[in-house]
Amino acid sequence: MPGQPNFSCKQLALDSNGSNVVEIPLDDFQNGKYSITLDWEIDNQLFIHHQEFEINDNRTFIPATS
């Protein structure tokens, strides 16, 4: 949660279970805007994806807006 006092980074190990979908557990996150960076390796190739998102009261996330 960038810009917040006492901001701490979380690092999670995720498993796509062989699909193109990765579910991120949101239980320990407060409502607000977040920035996430995913990096992974497939067949000795490294990939990275950066996304900003917002968690709302429904515990779902949507792309963050400025």
Protein backbone atom coordinates (compact mmCIF):
# COMPACT_ATOMS: atom_id res chain seq x y z
CA MET A 1 0.00 0.00 0.00
CA PRO A 2 2.36 2.71 -1.24
CA GLY A 3 2.22 6.11 0.42
CA GLN A 4 0.96 4.78 3.74
CA PRO A 5 2.92 5.16 6.98
CA ASN A 6 4.52 1.90 8.08
CA PHE A 7 4.17 0.51 4.55
CA SER A 8 5.67 -2.94 4.35
CA CYS A 9 6.22 -5.13 1.32
CA LYS A 10 4.77 -8.61 1.29
CA GLN A 11 6.31 -11.41 -0.67
CA LEU A 12 4.09 -14.38 -1.51
CA ALA A 13 4.85 -17.63 -3.27
CA LEU A 14 1.97 -18.36 -5.63
CA ASP A 15 1.14 -21.43 -7.69
CA SER A 16 -0.96 -21.23 -10.86
CA ASN A 17 -1.54 -25.00 -10.74
CA GLY A 18 -0.60 -25.21 -14.41
CA SER A 19 -3.13 -22.61 -15.62
CA ASN A 20 -2.78 -18.97 -16.67
CA VAL A 21 -4.68 -17.78 -13.58
CA VAL A 22 -3.13 -16.95 -10.24
CA GLU A 23 -5.32 -16.17 -7.24
CA ILE A 24 -3.90 -13.77 -4.67
CA PRO A 25 -5.22 -14.18 -1.11
CA LEU A 26 -6.58 -10.82 0.08
CA ASP A 27 -7.46 -11.79 3.66
CA ASP A 28 -4.59 -9.88 5.28
CA PHE A 29 -4.97 -6.72 3.19
CA GLN A 30 -6.90 -3.59 4.16
CA ASN A 31 -9.11 -1.65 1.74
CA GLY A 32 -7.09 0.74 -0.40
CA LYS A 33 -4.81 1.10 -3.39
CA TYR A 34 -1.91 -1.30 -3.89
CA SER A 35 0.90 -1.89 -6.32
CA ILE A 36 1.88 -5.45 -7.20
CA THR A 37 4.81 -6.87 -9.13
CA LEU A 38 4.70 -10.47 -10.31
CA ASP A 39 7.78 -12.18 -11.63
CA TRP A 40 8.01 -15.76 -12.82
CA GLU A 41 10.06 -18.12 -14.90
CA ILE A 42 8.91 -20.53 -17.62
CA ASP A 43 11.30 -22.64 -19.66
CA ASN A 44 14.29 -20.62 -18.44
CA GLN A 45 12.65 -17.33 -19.52
CA LEU A 46 12.00 -14.62 -16.93
CA PHE A 47 8.81 -12.53 -17.01
CA ILE A 48 7.60 -9.59 -14.95
CA HIS A 49 4.24 -7.82 -14.67
CA HIS A 50 3.43 -4.68 -12.66
CA GLN A 51 -0.15 -3.68 -11.81
CA GLU A 52 -1.84 -1.19 -9.52
CA PHE A 53 -5.16 -2.23 -8.01
CA GLU A 54 -7.66 -1.27 -5.35
CA ILE A 55 -9.32 -3.50 -2.77
CA ASN A 56 -12.87 -2.52 -1.87
CA ASP A 57 -15.30 -3.58 0.87
CA ASN A 58 -16.35 -6.70 -1.10
CA ARG A 59 -12.78 -8.07 -0.77
CA THR A 60 -12.43 -8.03 -4.53
CA PHE A 61 -9.92 -5.96 -6.41
CA ILE A 62 -10.26 -3.65 -9.37
CA PRO A 63 -7.68 -1.72 -11.39
CA ALA A 64 -6.66 1.38 -9.45
CA THR A 65 -7.51 4.82 -10.75
CA SER A 66 -5.68 8.03 -9.98
